[in-house]
Amino acid sequence: MTITLIISGGIAAYKSLELIRRLREAGWHIVPILTRAGAQFVTPLSVAALAGEKVYQDLWSLTDEAEMGHIRLARDAELIVVAPATANMIAKMAQGIADDLASAVLLATDRPVLIAPAMNPAMWENAATQENVKILRARGVHIVEPQAGDMACGEFGTGRMAEVPDIRAAIEKISGARPLAGKHAIVTAGATQEPIDPVRFISNGSSGKQGIAIAAALMRLGARVTLIHGAIQIAAPPGIKVVAVRTADEMWQAVQRALPADIAICAAAVADYAPSEIQQQKIKKSGAGDITLTLRPTVDILKSLSAHPQRPKLVIGFALESQSLLKNAQQKLLAKGCDWLLANEITSEHNPMHADENKITLLCGAETVEWGVTSKESVGLRLAEKISDHFNKPN
């Protein structure tokens, strides 16, 4: 399948090089168009080397127009992607201006178009840009929303181009690509609650957002997903089989009932300990002073699943650490017997349980990859993409 990729002029053009690489790994044929402004940020040589294809730049090239004119560039691809899409390019698209090769291709195409805007926050929020975006949406142009963050210009706001996994996921959704079709994934999420008495319990502050984001990303790539969750703060998207539980024991029983599976991701924050005895009546506060609560270890779901006779082909765990992140994560990877581990850290400045962002270090065999601070949705997309690559890599 072929994508015509238009790279317009912005500092985010460097991400387009990674996008080319990731799309080619997924089997896409990339035909790149580099605008004059885009060539100020990335070179035709680097684009051509990654795409394995000639880079098209000039509307008035006699050779290009003879061999593959702008009409063929507009029609031979299954999809046109503009990344980055600058305010200028968006304005041209909205107004039907075709004064260079890229804009002429966009005006001539009858194929789906996806844009990934990237610009200064003030330019993105400007009424003219927002009106142009509104026009493109009404025409059916697909848009991967820009993200908020620090900009190359030193300002902060919404305008950063979406991350490569987000763009790739949007491409796969538009194209109908379902690389995980036929795979069954079990995802655990949220916090377990271990009762002390009829009104009190031991738990933690997990929101379930990360596990739900992972489940949604896997479903988007075609997997059949069973989400087994404890206490959560958001609802799972439609299309996912949901099993609600309360305790660690209930979660482990639900996981076993959901087997067999190809993939298991243990993202739930399972309480490590539970009361040895649950009081049948509410414990009354008295003037007698302190009380003693005896605890027992709960079932280790990740370790038990990794050793299960119906062990999924790929078992992935999480490690939330407050110190020695990498050392403790590597020890947990070995101790649990899982295949991959996503390590994140809780500090006085950042608690990933309560936030919409996460900072992940992925331990994948001998490979260690730092994803940096990014949204939990992006973490889900990156992990789903990594899983897709694992199952679809050439033998």
Protein backbone atom coordinates (compact mmCIF):
# COMPACT_ATOMS: atom_id res chain seq x y z
CA MET A 1 0.00 0.00 0.00
CA THR A 2 1.22 3.49 -0.85
CA ILE A 3 1.19 6.75 1.11
CA THR A 4 2.10 10.08 -0.42
CA LEU A 5 3.80 11.93 2.44
CA ILE A 6 4.01 15.72 2.20
CA ILE A 7 6.62 17.32 4.46
CA SER A 8 6.07 21.05 4.81
CA GLY A 9 8.27 23.61 6.54
CA GLY A 10 8.50 23.41 10.30
CA ILE A 11 10.91 22.21 12.97
CA ALA A 12 8.61 19.19 13.46
CA ALA A 13 9.78 17.93 10.06
CA TYR A 14 12.42 15.92 11.90
CA LYS A 15 9.62 13.71 13.22
CA SER A 16 8.64 12.93 9.63
CA LEU A 17 11.89 11.02 9.19
CA GLU A 18 10.93 8.72 12.06
CA LEU A 19 7.40 8.46 10.65
CA ILE A 20 8.81 7.26 7.32
CA ARG A 21 10.88 4.63 9.08
CA ARG A 22 7.99 3.34 11.17
CA LEU A 23 5.57 3.23 8.26
CA ARG A 24 8.02 1.34 6.09
CA GLU A 25 8.52 -1.18 8.90
CA ALA A 26 4.75 -1.67 8.86
CA GLY A 27 4.84 -2.44 5.13
CA TRP A 28 3.81 0.90 3.65
CA HIS A 29 5.39 2.24 0.45
CA ILE A 30 6.17 5.93 0.98
CA VAL A 31 6.32 8.47 -1.85
CA PRO A 32 7.68 11.70 -0.33
CA ILE A 33 6.99 15.27 -1.41
CA LEU A 34 9.20 17.89 0.21
CA THR A 35 8.20 21.53 0.03
CA ARG A 36 10.77 24.29 -0.44
CA ALA A 37 10.27 25.33 3.19
CA GLY A 38 10.42 21.70 4.36
CA ALA A 39 13.85 21.36 2.74
CA GLN A 40 15.10 24.03 5.13
CA PHE A 41 14.64 21.54 7.99
CA VAL A 42 15.33 18.11 6.48
CA THR A 43 17.37 17.28 3.41
CA PRO A 44 16.08 15.49 0.31
CA LEU A 45 18.91 12.99 0.75
CA SER A 46 17.83 11.96 4.26
CA VAL A 47 14.19 11.66 3.19
CA ALA A 48 15.10 9.60 0.11
CA ALA A 49 17.41 7.33 2.10
CA LEU A 50 14.70 6.48 4.63
CA ALA A 51 11.86 6.22 2.12
CA GLY A 52 13.86 4.25 -0.44
CA GLU A 53 12.12 6.39 -3.01
CA LYS A 54 12.82 9.52 -5.02
CA VAL A 55 11.83 12.78 -3.35
CA TYR A 56 9.50 15.00 -5.38
CA GLN A 57 9.86 18.76 -4.95
CA ASP A 58 9.24 20.78 -8.10
CA LEU A 59 5.88 21.33 -9.79
CA TRP A 60 7.69 22.50 -12.91
CA SER A 61 10.19 19.65 -13.24
CA LEU A 62 10.01 18.38 -16.82
CA THR A 63 11.39 15.00 -15.76
CA ASP A 64 9.02 14.53 -12.83
CA GLU A 65 6.00 15.69 -14.77
CA ALA A 66 6.89 13.32 -17.61
CA GLU A 67 7.55 10.32 -15.36
CA MET A 68 5.03 10.93 -12.56
CA GLY A 69 3.10 14.16 -12.74
CA HIS A 70 1.26 15.75 -9.87
CA ILE A 71 -1.97 14.04 -10.95
CA ARG A 72 -0.41 10.60 -10.58
CA LEU A 73 1.11 11.57 -7.24
CA ALA A 74 -2.39 12.60 -6.17
CA ARG A 75 -4.13 9.44 -7.39
CA ASP A 76 -1.69 6.51 -7.09
CA ALA A 77 -1.59 6.52 -3.28
CA GLU A 78 -4.20 5.05 -0.96
CA LEU A 79 -3.70 7.99 1.40
CA ILE A 80 -2.15 11.48 1.42
CA VAL A 81 -0.47 12.47 4.71
CA VAL A 82 0.75 15.99 5.49
CA ALA A 83 3.18 15.94 8.42
CA PRO A 84 3.96 18.52 9.54
CA ALA A 85 1.04 20.60 8.28
CA THR A 86 1.95 24.25 8.81
CA ALA A 87 -0.53 27.10 9.16
CA ASN A 88 0.41 28.13 5.61
CA MET A 89 -0.26 24.66 4.19
CA ILE A 90 -3.56 24.40 6.05
CA ALA A 91 -4.59 27.81 4.68
CA LYS A 92 -3.71 26.73 1.12
CA MET A 93 -5.75 23.56 1.49
CA ALA A 94 -8.76 25.43 2.85
CA GLN A 95 -8.68 28.07 0.10
CA GLY A 96 -7.80 25.73 -2.79
CA ILE A 97 -4.46 27.36 -3.59
CA ALA A 98 -2.14 25.23 -5.75
CA ASP A 99 1.04 27.21 -6.26
CA ASP A 100 3.56 24.40 -5.66
CA LEU A 101 3.76 20.64 -6.08
CA ALA A 102 2.42 19.76 -2.62
CA SER A 103 -0.62 22.03 -2.77
CA ALA A 104 -1.34 20.98 -6.37
CA VAL A 105 -1.33 17.32 -5.32
CA LEU A 106 -3.68 18.07 -2.44
CA LEU A 107 -6.07 19.92 -4.73
CA ALA A 108 -5.99 17.16 -7.35
CA THR A 109 -6.41 14.15 -5.06
CA ASP A 110 -9.55 12.12 -4.58
CA ARG A 111 -7.92 10.01 -1.85
CA PRO A 112 -8.33 10.38 1.94
CA VAL A 113 -6.14 13.11 3.42
CA LEU A 114 -4.66 13.17 6.93
CA ILE A 115 -2.90 16.22 8.36
CA ALA A 116 -0.76 16.58 11.49
CA PRO A 117 -0.69 20.32 12.32
CA ALA A 118 2.46 21.84 13.81
CA MET A 119 2.98 25.52 14.55
CA ASN A 120 3.40 28.18 17.21
CA PRO A 121 0.54 28.13 19.77
CA ALA A 122 -0.60 31.64 18.82
CA MET A 123 -0.76 30.60 15.16
CA TRP A 124 -2.77 27.47 16.04
CA GLU A 125 -5.21 29.44 18.19
CA ASN A 126 -5.58 32.26 15.65
CA ALA A 127 -9.15 32.57 14.40
CA ALA A 128 -8.02 32.26 10.78
CA THR A 129 -6.29 28.92 11.42
CA GLN A 130 -9.21 27.58 13.44
CA GLU A 131 -11.62 28.56 10.67
CA ASN A 132 -9.42 26.86 8.07
CA VAL A 133 -9.29 23.71 10.21
CA LYS A 134 -13.07 23.82 10.54
CA ILE A 135 -13.38 24.02 6.74
CA LEU A 136 -11.08 21.03 6.26
CA ARG A 137 -12.97 18.95 8.82
CA ALA A 138 -16.23 19.71 7.01
CA ARG A 139 -14.63 18.46 3.79
CA GLY A 140 -13.66 15.17 5.42
CA VAL A 141 -9.98 15.82 5.98
CA HIS A 142 -8.68 13.74 8.91
CA ILE A 143 -6.72 15.63 11.59
CA VAL A 144 -4.33 14.35 14.23
CA GLU A 145 -4.62 17.06 16.86
CA PRO A 146 -1.46 18.91 17.90
CA GLN A 147 -0.25 18.46 21.45
CA ALA A 148 0.47 20.91 24.25
CA GLY A 149 4.03 21.36 25.46
CA ASP A 150 7.23 23.33 25.20
CA MET A 151 7.85 24.69 21.73
CA ALA A 152 11.13 25.11 19.87
CA CYS A 153 10.55 28.88 20.00
CA GLY A 154 10.59 28.77 23.80
CA GLU A 155 6.84 29.25 24.29
CA PHE A 156 4.42 26.78 25.83
CA GLY A 157 1.03 25.82 24.47
CA THR A 158 -0.82 23.70 21.94
CA GLY A 159 0.94 23.39 18.61
CA ARG A 160 3.44 20.53 18.81
CA MET A 161 2.96 17.93 16.09
CA ALA A 162 1.49 14.68 17.37
CA GLU A 163 3.94 11.91 18.16
CA VAL A 164 4.77 9.34 15.49
CA PRO A 165 2.77 6.49 17.13
CA ASP A 166 -0.33 8.73 17.21
CA ILE A 167 0.04 9.55 13.51
CA ARG A 168 0.68 5.93 12.61
CA ALA A 169 -2.39 4.84 14.59
CA ALA A 170 -4.51 7.40 12.74
CA ILE A 171 -3.18 6.14 9.41
CA GLU A 172 -3.97 2.56 10.32
CA LYS A 173 -7.47 3.54 11.43
CA ILE A 174 -8.18 5.40 8.19
CA SER A 175 -6.73 2.68 6.01
CA GLY A 176 -8.52 -0.07 7.90
CA ALA A 177 -5.23 -1.75 8.75
CA ARG A 178 -5.73 -4.19 11.61
CA PRO A 179 -2.33 -5.77 12.29
CA LEU A 180 -3.54 -7.43 15.51
CA ALA A 181 -6.69 -8.93 13.98
CA GLY A 182 -7.22 -12.43 15.32
CA LYS A 183 -5.25 -11.76 18.52
CA HIS A 184 -6.84 -11.87 21.96
CA ALA A 185 -5.43 -9.47 24.55
CA ILE A 186 -6.12 -9.44 28.29
CA VAL A 187 -5.51 -6.10 30.00
CA THR A 188 -5.82 -5.47 33.72
CA ALA A 189 -6.38 -1.92 34.97
CA GLY A 190 -7.31 0.15 37.99
CA ALA A 191 -6.90 -0.45 41.70
CA THR A 192 -7.93 -3.52 43.67
CA GLN A 193 -9.67 -3.03 47.01
CA GLU A 194 -8.97 -5.44 49.88
CA PRO A 195 -11.76 -5.17 52.51
CA ILE A 196 -11.00 -4.68 56.19
CA ASP A 197 -14.62 -4.54 57.30
CA PRO A 198 -17.92 -3.76 55.51
CA VAL A 199 -16.95 -0.10 54.95
CA ARG A 200 -13.15 0.08 54.89
CA PHE A 201 -10.54 -1.34 52.55
CA ILE A 202 -6.88 -1.20 51.54
CA SER A 203 -6.29 0.30 48.11
CA ASN A 204 -4.25 2.88 46.20
CA GLY A 205 -4.72 5.90 43.97
CA SER A 206 -4.66 4.22 40.55
CA SER A 207 -7.11 5.79 38.10
CA GLY A 208 -7.04 2.98 35.53
CA LYS A 209 -6.37 5.50 32.75
CA GLN A 210 -3.17 3.85 31.54
CA GLY A 211 -4.62 0.36 31.32
CA ILE A 212 -7.73 1.63 29.55
CA ALA A 213 -5.60 3.59 27.08
CA ILE A 214 -3.63 0.43 26.31
CA ALA A 215 -6.84 -1.59 25.85
CA ALA A 216 -8.23 1.05 23.48
CA ALA A 217 -5.03 1.13 21.43
CA LEU A 218 -4.97 -2.66 21.08
CA MET A 219 -8.60 -2.68 19.98
CA ARG A 220 -7.84 0.03 17.42
CA LEU A 221 -5.22 -2.28 15.85
CA GLY A 222 -7.74 -5.10 15.58
CA ALA A 223 -7.20 -7.13 18.74
CA ARG A 224 -10.09 -8.66 20.66
CA VAL A 225 -9.64 -7.16 24.12
CA THR A 226 -10.80 -8.32 27.53
CA LEU A 227 -10.38 -5.56 30.11
CA ILE A 228 -10.39 -6.78 33.71
CA HIS A 229 -10.49 -3.82 36.05
CA GLY A 230 -10.77 -2.84 39.68
CA ALA A 231 -11.64 0.70 40.75
CA ILE A 232 -11.33 3.09 37.79
CA GLN A 233 -12.06 6.77 37.17
CA ILE A 234 -12.99 6.60 33.48
CA ALA A 235 -15.08 4.25 31.38
CA ALA A 236 -13.69 1.85 28.81
CA PRO A 237 -14.54 2.61 25.17
CA PRO A 238 -17.25 0.59 23.40
CA GLY A 239 -16.14 -2.62 21.73
CA ILE A 240 -14.07 -3.92 24.65
CA LYS A 241 -15.27 -6.80 26.81
CA VAL A 242 -15.24 -5.47 30.37
CA VAL A 243 -15.03 -7.54 33.55
CA ALA A 244 -15.30 -5.60 36.81
CA VAL A 245 -13.71 -7.06 39.95
CA ARG A 246 -12.81 -5.78 43.39
CA THR A 247 -10.03 -7.80 45.01
CA ALA A 248 -6.73 -9.23 43.82
CA ASP A 249 -8.11 -12.77 44.16
CA GLU A 250 -11.14 -11.86 42.04
CA MET A 251 -8.89 -10.29 39.41
CA TRP A 252 -6.70 -13.39 39.20
CA GLN A 253 -9.75 -15.64 38.84
CA ALA A 254 -11.10 -13.39 36.06
CA VAL A 255 -7.75 -13.45 34.26
CA GLN A 256 -7.70 -17.26 34.32
CA ARG A 257 -11.28 -17.43 33.01
CA ALA A 258 -10.31 -15.10 30.13
CA LEU A 259 -7.55 -17.45 28.94
CA PRO A 260 -6.40 -18.47 26.38
CA ALA A 261 -4.94 -15.24 25.07
CA ASP A 262 -2.09 -14.14 22.85
CA ILE A 263 -1.23 -11.04 24.86
CA ALA A 264 -1.54 -10.16 28.54
CA ILE A 265 -0.75 -6.72 29.95
CA CYS A 266 -0.88 -6.38 33.72
CA ALA A 267 -1.36 -2.63 34.17
CA ALA A 268 -3.57 -2.86 37.26
CA ALA A 269 -2.29 -1.54 40.59
CA VAL A 270 -2.90 -4.68 42.63
CA ALA A 271 -2.66 -4.34 46.40
CA ASP A 272 0.34 -6.31 47.64
CA TYR A 273 -1.32 -7.12 50.96
CA ALA A 274 -4.82 -7.85 52.24
CA PRO A 275 -6.20 -8.27 55.77
CA SER A 276 -5.78 -11.81 57.04
CA GLU A 277 -9.28 -11.63 58.46
CA ILE A 278 -12.19 -9.51 57.23
CA GLN A 279 -14.31 -8.20 60.07
CA GLN A 280 -18.00 -8.88 59.52
CA GLN A 281 -19.05 -5.78 61.43
CA LYS A 282 -17.75 -2.24 61.15
CA ILE A 283 -14.78 -1.72 63.46
CA LYS A 284 -15.78 0.85 66.04
CA LYS A 285 -13.44 3.63 67.10
CA SER A 286 -12.84 3.47 70.81
CA GLY A 287 -10.65 5.14 73.38
CA ALA A 288 -8.48 2.03 73.67
CA GLY A 289 -5.79 3.49 71.42
CA ASP A 290 -4.14 1.77 68.44
CA ILE A 291 -5.45 -1.38 66.81
CA THR A 292 -3.41 -4.07 65.07
CA LEU A 293 -4.18 -5.17 61.54
CA THR A 294 -2.61 -8.42 60.39
CA LEU A 295 -1.93 -8.61 56.63
CA ARG A 296 -1.25 -11.45 54.23
CA PRO A 297 0.35 -11.24 50.77
CA THR A 298 -2.08 -11.19 47.87
CA VAL A 299 -1.72 -13.36 44.78
CA ASP A 300 1.06 -12.24 42.43
CA ILE A 301 -0.96 -12.05 39.21
CA LEU A 302 1.92 -11.19 36.88
CA LYS A 303 4.18 -13.95 38.20
CA SER A 304 1.36 -16.49 38.29
CA LEU A 305 0.31 -15.66 34.75
CA SER A 306 3.88 -15.91 33.47
CA ALA A 307 4.08 -19.46 34.87
CA HIS A 308 0.54 -20.52 33.90
CA PRO A 309 0.08 -23.63 31.67
CA GLN A 310 -1.92 -21.41 29.28
CA ARG A 311 0.64 -18.61 29.40
CA PRO A 312 0.01 -16.02 26.66
CA LYS A 313 2.71 -15.67 24.02
CA LEU A 314 3.53 -12.16 25.27
CA VAL A 315 3.21 -11.20 28.93
CA ILE A 316 3.87 -7.58 29.89
CA GLY A 317 4.02 -6.05 33.35
CA PHE A 318 4.37 -2.64 34.99
CA ALA A 319 6.74 -1.52 37.74
CA LEU A 320 6.04 1.66 39.70
CA GLU A 321 9.14 2.57 41.67
CA SER A 322 10.09 5.40 44.04
CA GLN A 323 13.85 4.82 43.80
CA SER A 324 16.49 2.98 41.71
CA LEU A 325 14.01 2.73 38.84
CA LEU A 326 16.05 0.76 36.33
CA LYS A 327 17.70 -1.56 38.85
CA ASN A 328 14.42 -2.45 40.54
CA ALA A 329 12.62 -2.83 37.21
CA GLN A 330 15.26 -5.21 35.87
CA GLN A 331 15.03 -7.29 39.04
CA LYS A 332 11.23 -7.40 38.75
CA LEU A 333 11.43 -8.45 35.10
CA LEU A 334 13.54 -11.45 36.06
CA ALA A 335 11.58 -12.30 39.21
CA LYS A 336 8.17 -12.20 37.56
CA GLY A 337 9.15 -14.17 34.45
CA CYS A 338 7.33 -11.81 32.09
CA ASP A 339 8.59 -10.83 28.63
CA TRP A 340 8.49 -7.02 28.80
CA LEU A 341 8.19 -4.52 31.61
CA LEU A 342 7.08 -0.89 31.57
CA ALA A 343 8.79 0.97 34.40
CA ASN A 344 7.61 4.33 35.71
CA GLU A 345 8.65 6.38 38.70
CA ILE A 346 6.71 8.15 41.43
CA THR A 347 8.33 11.29 42.83
CA SER A 348 7.28 14.21 45.00
CA GLU A 349 6.85 16.25 41.80
CA HIS A 350 5.02 13.68 39.69
CA ASN A 351 2.59 10.92 40.62
CA PRO A 352 1.66 8.96 37.47
CA MET A 353 -1.30 7.39 39.25
CA HIS A 354 -3.05 10.76 39.42
CA ALA A 355 -1.79 12.31 36.18
CA ASP A 356 -2.79 12.13 32.53
CA GLU A 357 0.86 11.73 31.57
CA ASN A 358 3.37 8.98 32.18
CA LYS A 359 7.13 8.65 31.87
CA ILE A 360 7.93 5.14 30.70
CA THR A 361 11.11 3.11 30.40
CA LEU A 362 10.38 -0.06 28.42
CA LEU A 363 12.45 -3.14 29.20
CA CYS A 364 12.08 -5.45 26.23
CA GLY A 365 14.53 -8.34 26.35
CA ALA A 366 18.00 -6.82 26.15
CA GLU A 367 16.55 -3.55 24.86
CA THR A 368 15.82 -0.59 27.12
CA VAL A 369 13.86 2.30 25.59
CA GLU A 370 12.98 5.59 27.30
CA TRP A 371 9.76 7.17 26.03
CA GLY A 372 9.98 10.32 28.12
CA VAL A 373 6.97 12.18 29.51
CA THR A 374 3.98 11.70 27.23
CA SER A 375 0.23 11.24 27.48
CA LYS A 376 -1.14 7.92 28.65
CA GLU A 377 -2.97 7.65 25.32
CA SER A 378 0.36 7.96 23.52
CA VAL A 379 1.91 5.32 25.80
CA GLY A 380 -0.95 3.00 24.86
CA LEU A 381 -0.43 3.65 21.15
CA ARG A 382 3.33 3.15 21.37
CA LEU A 383 2.94 -0.10 23.26
CA ALA A 384 0.28 -1.37 20.83
CA GLU A 385 2.58 -0.51 17.93
CA LYS A 386 5.47 -2.33 19.60
CA ILE A 387 3.26 -5.38 20.15
CA SER A 388 2.10 -5.26 16.53
CA ASP A 389 5.70 -5.16 15.33
CA HIS A 390 6.54 -8.12 17.60
CA PHE A 391 3.80 -10.31 16.18
CA ASN A 392 4.26 -9.22 12.56
CA LYS A 393 8.04 -9.19 12.29
CA PRO A 394 9.51 -11.35 9.50
CA ASN A 395 10.60 -14.83 10.53
